[in-house]
Amino acid sequence: MAKKSKKPATMLIPLPATLVTCGEYNNNPNIITIAWCGIVCAEPPMLSIAVRENRFSFNLIKQIGEFVVNMTGGNMVEQTDFCGNHSGKDYDKFKETGLTPEPAEKVRSPLIKESPINLECRVKETLNLGSHHIFIAEIIAAHVDEAVLDSDGRLDVKKVDPLIYCTNARQYWSGLSKVHGLYGFTRGKK
């Protein structure tokens, strides 16, 4: 297969299309769509999000050092797109999207009730990388909607129907439907 050389670009796909809540639950919290989000450590559990400094949410996260990553499903594509294309300076995104804020257990930012998975995070470090700052945060509480668990209490990815974003194509996708293997399957049976 022939390859075409391209200039360096953000072609890592897919990325989770998450809704990050920031600010304080009782004080006009905001929602920002973040696709540049990923796990960076298992023990302690940590993740990172990338945010441009000129975004309204940037200072909300910087000020209180906390946020919640709310996973989205295919049924949340309109809300996800709205929150990524409208500023919290001008819109109450909870009101505009019909999403429901709920108090978190350990952070001041709210959970989104409609999200199947909510990860409460506390910022440990901030890195200025150029166009974006990276907030590296510890996941200090996790919440999973019982409707997306299987009969053994494990996460059922098909029920989550995670919404993903493909950066260069500028497209939202969902419907992960085919399992190709289980972690470690190449080691064989012991």
Protein backbone atom coordinates (compact mmCIF):
# COMPACT_ATOMS: atom_id res chain seq x y z
CA MET A 1 0.00 0.00 0.00
CA ALA A 2 1.40 3.38 -0.99
CA LYS A 3 1.69 6.08 1.65
CA LYS A 4 1.31 9.81 1.07
CA SER A 5 3.50 12.10 3.13
CA LYS A 6 1.56 14.80 5.03
CA LYS A 7 2.61 17.63 7.30
CA PRO A 8 2.48 16.77 11.03
CA ALA A 9 -1.11 16.96 12.24
CA THR A 10 -3.47 15.75 14.96
CA MET A 11 -4.43 12.52 13.18
CA LEU A 12 -4.79 10.29 16.22
CA ILE A 13 -8.27 8.78 15.90
CA PRO A 14 -10.67 8.15 17.44
CA LEU A 15 -10.85 10.46 20.44
CA PRO A 16 -13.57 10.46 23.10
CA ALA A 17 -16.03 13.32 22.68
CA THR A 18 -16.41 14.29 26.33
CA LEU A 19 -18.29 17.05 28.09
CA VAL A 20 -16.14 18.59 30.80
CA THR A 21 -17.99 20.48 33.52
CA CYS A 22 -16.13 23.20 35.36
CA GLY A 23 -16.77 26.01 37.76
CA GLU A 24 -18.88 25.52 40.86
CA TYR A 25 -22.18 23.63 40.95
CA ASN A 26 -24.05 26.50 42.68
CA ASN A 27 -22.34 29.33 40.77
CA ASN A 28 -23.09 29.21 37.02
CA PRO A 29 -21.11 26.10 36.07
CA ASN A 30 -20.02 25.63 32.47
CA ILE A 31 -19.65 22.75 30.02
CA ILE A 32 -16.91 22.51 27.40
CA THR A 33 -16.57 19.80 24.77
CA ILE A 34 -13.14 18.19 24.95
CA ALA A 35 -11.94 15.49 22.57
CA TRP A 36 -8.29 15.83 23.51
CA CYS A 37 -8.69 13.76 26.66
CA GLY A 38 -6.87 10.62 27.70
CA ILE A 39 -5.70 8.38 30.50
CA VAL A 40 -2.12 9.10 31.56
CA CYS A 41 -1.62 6.95 34.69
CA ALA A 42 -3.23 3.91 36.34
CA GLU A 43 -1.97 4.23 39.92
CA PRO A 44 -3.16 6.74 40.93
CA PRO A 45 -5.76 6.96 38.16
CA MET A 46 -5.05 10.13 36.19
CA LEU A 47 -6.12 11.72 32.93
CA SER A 48 -5.33 14.80 30.92
CA ILE A 49 -7.43 17.30 29.02
CA ALA A 50 -6.18 19.92 26.55
CA VAL A 51 -7.79 23.37 26.67
CA ARG A 52 -6.98 26.57 24.80
CA GLU A 53 -6.18 29.48 27.13
CA ASN A 54 -8.73 31.73 25.38
CA ARG A 55 -11.64 29.42 26.22
CA PHE A 56 -14.06 30.55 28.92
CA SER A 57 -13.61 27.22 30.73
CA PHE A 58 -9.84 27.58 30.96
CA ASN A 59 -9.96 30.10 33.81
CA LEU A 60 -12.77 28.22 35.59
CA ILE A 61 -10.57 25.11 35.71
CA LYS A 62 -7.45 27.09 36.57
CA GLN A 63 -9.21 28.93 39.45
CA ILE A 64 -10.68 25.96 41.33
CA GLY A 65 -8.36 23.21 40.10
CA GLU A 66 -11.20 20.74 39.61
CA PHE A 67 -13.47 19.49 36.83
CA VAL A 68 -15.59 16.51 35.83
CA VAL A 69 -15.14 14.51 32.62
CA ASN A 70 -18.58 13.33 31.51
CA MET A 71 -18.60 10.63 28.84
CA THR A 72 -21.10 11.02 26.03
CA GLY A 73 -23.07 8.51 23.99
CA GLY A 74 -24.41 8.68 20.46
CA ASN A 75 -27.65 10.07 21.87
CA MET A 76 -25.79 13.19 23.09
CA VAL A 77 -24.29 14.41 19.80
CA GLU A 78 -26.35 17.64 19.60
CA GLN A 79 -25.50 18.68 23.17
CA THR A 80 -21.85 17.80 22.61
CA ASP A 81 -21.62 19.85 19.44
CA PHE A 82 -23.47 22.81 21.01
CA CYS A 83 -21.13 22.89 24.01
CA GLY A 84 -18.11 22.86 21.69
CA ASN A 85 -19.36 25.66 19.47
CA HIS A 86 -20.86 28.15 21.93
CA SER A 87 -19.05 30.04 24.68
CA GLY A 88 -20.05 29.86 28.32
CA LYS A 89 -19.53 33.66 28.35
CA ASP A 90 -22.67 33.97 26.24
CA TYR A 91 -24.76 30.89 27.04
CA ASP A 92 -25.95 28.87 30.01
CA LYS A 93 -25.12 25.55 28.38
CA PHE A 94 -27.12 23.49 30.88
CA LYS A 95 -30.22 25.53 30.07
CA GLU A 96 -29.60 25.60 26.31
CA THR A 97 -28.95 21.84 25.99
CA GLY A 98 -31.41 20.53 28.58
CA LEU A 99 -28.61 18.69 30.39
CA THR A 100 -29.04 18.27 34.14
CA PRO A 101 -26.32 19.32 36.61
CA GLU A 102 -25.94 17.14 39.71
CA PRO A 103 -23.69 17.74 42.70
CA ALA A 104 -20.47 15.73 42.68
CA GLU A 105 -19.21 13.83 45.71
CA LYS A 106 -15.69 15.25 45.97
CA VAL A 107 -15.31 18.25 43.64
CA ARG A 108 -17.20 21.53 43.30
CA SER A 109 -17.97 21.11 39.59
CA PRO A 110 -21.22 19.29 38.73
CA LEU A 111 -21.79 15.93 37.12
CA ILE A 112 -24.04 15.68 34.06
CA LYS A 113 -26.93 13.37 34.95
CA GLU A 114 -27.43 12.19 31.35
CA SER A 115 -23.80 11.06 30.97
CA PRO A 116 -23.24 7.32 31.42
CA ILE A 117 -19.85 7.82 33.10
CA ASN A 118 -18.65 10.78 35.21
CA LEU A 119 -15.05 11.15 36.42
CA GLU A 120 -14.41 13.71 39.16
CA CYS A 121 -10.93 15.16 38.74
CA ARG A 122 -8.52 17.31 40.72
CA VAL A 123 -5.73 19.09 38.82
CA LYS A 124 -2.20 18.02 39.76
CA GLU A 125 -0.21 19.86 37.09
CA THR A 126 -0.72 22.27 34.20
CA LEU A 127 1.55 22.37 31.16
CA ASN A 128 1.61 25.11 28.53
CA LEU A 129 2.37 23.33 25.26
CA GLY A 130 1.58 26.07 22.74
CA SER A 131 -1.95 26.33 21.37
CA HIS A 132 -3.26 24.29 24.32
CA HIS A 133 -2.58 23.87 28.00
CA ILE A 134 -2.71 20.35 29.41
CA PHE A 135 -4.41 19.84 32.75
CA ILE A 136 -3.15 16.62 34.30
CA ALA A 137 -5.62 15.53 36.95
CA GLU A 138 -6.19 12.69 39.37
CA ILE A 139 -9.52 10.90 39.08
CA ILE A 140 -10.77 11.05 42.67
CA ALA A 141 -14.28 9.64 42.14
CA ALA A 142 -16.05 7.77 39.35
CA HIS A 143 -19.75 7.24 38.71
CA VAL A 144 -21.32 4.78 36.25
CA ASP A 145 -24.98 4.64 35.30
CA GLU A 146 -26.32 1.19 36.23
CA ALA A 147 -28.03 1.02 32.81
CA VAL A 148 -24.63 0.58 31.11
CA LEU A 149 -23.44 -2.29 33.32
CA ASP A 150 -23.75 -5.96 32.43
CA SER A 151 -25.20 -8.61 34.75
CA ASP A 152 -21.78 -8.99 36.44
CA GLY A 153 -21.53 -5.25 37.14
CA ARG A 154 -18.89 -4.63 34.44
CA LEU A 155 -19.08 -1.83 31.91
CA ASP A 156 -20.88 -2.86 28.71
CA VAL A 157 -19.35 -0.69 25.97
CA LYS A 158 -22.23 -1.35 23.57
CA LYS A 159 -24.67 0.09 26.11
CA VAL A 160 -22.51 3.19 26.56
CA ASP A 161 -22.41 3.69 22.76
CA PRO A 162 -19.48 6.11 23.23
CA LEU A 163 -19.47 9.21 21.08
CA ILE A 164 -16.08 9.68 19.46
CA TYR A 165 -14.57 12.48 17.44
CA CYS A 166 -12.26 12.25 14.44
CA THR A 167 -10.28 15.49 14.43
CA ASN A 168 -9.14 15.89 10.82
CA ALA A 169 -12.45 14.68 9.38
CA ARG A 170 -14.33 16.88 11.91
CA GLN A 171 -16.88 14.08 12.40
CA TYR A 172 -18.65 12.54 15.38
CA TRP A 173 -19.01 8.76 15.34
CA SER A 174 -20.61 6.20 17.64
CA GLY A 175 -21.47 2.54 17.51
CA LEU A 176 -18.41 0.56 18.54
CA SER A 177 -19.86 -2.81 17.65
CA LYS A 178 -17.16 -5.36 16.99
CA VAL A 179 -14.80 -6.89 19.55
CA HIS A 180 -11.62 -8.12 17.87
CA GLY A 181 -9.97 -9.68 20.91
CA LEU A 182 -9.44 -9.47 24.64
CA TYR A 183 -6.36 -7.94 26.22
CA GLY A 184 -3.58 -10.55 26.41
CA PHE A 185 -5.22 -13.03 24.00
CA THR A 186 -1.94 -13.41 22.05
CA ARG A 187 -0.23 -14.98 25.08
CA GLY A 188 -2.37 -18.07 24.69
CA LYS A 189 -3.92 -20.24 27.35
CA LYS A 190 -1.94 -21.15 30.43
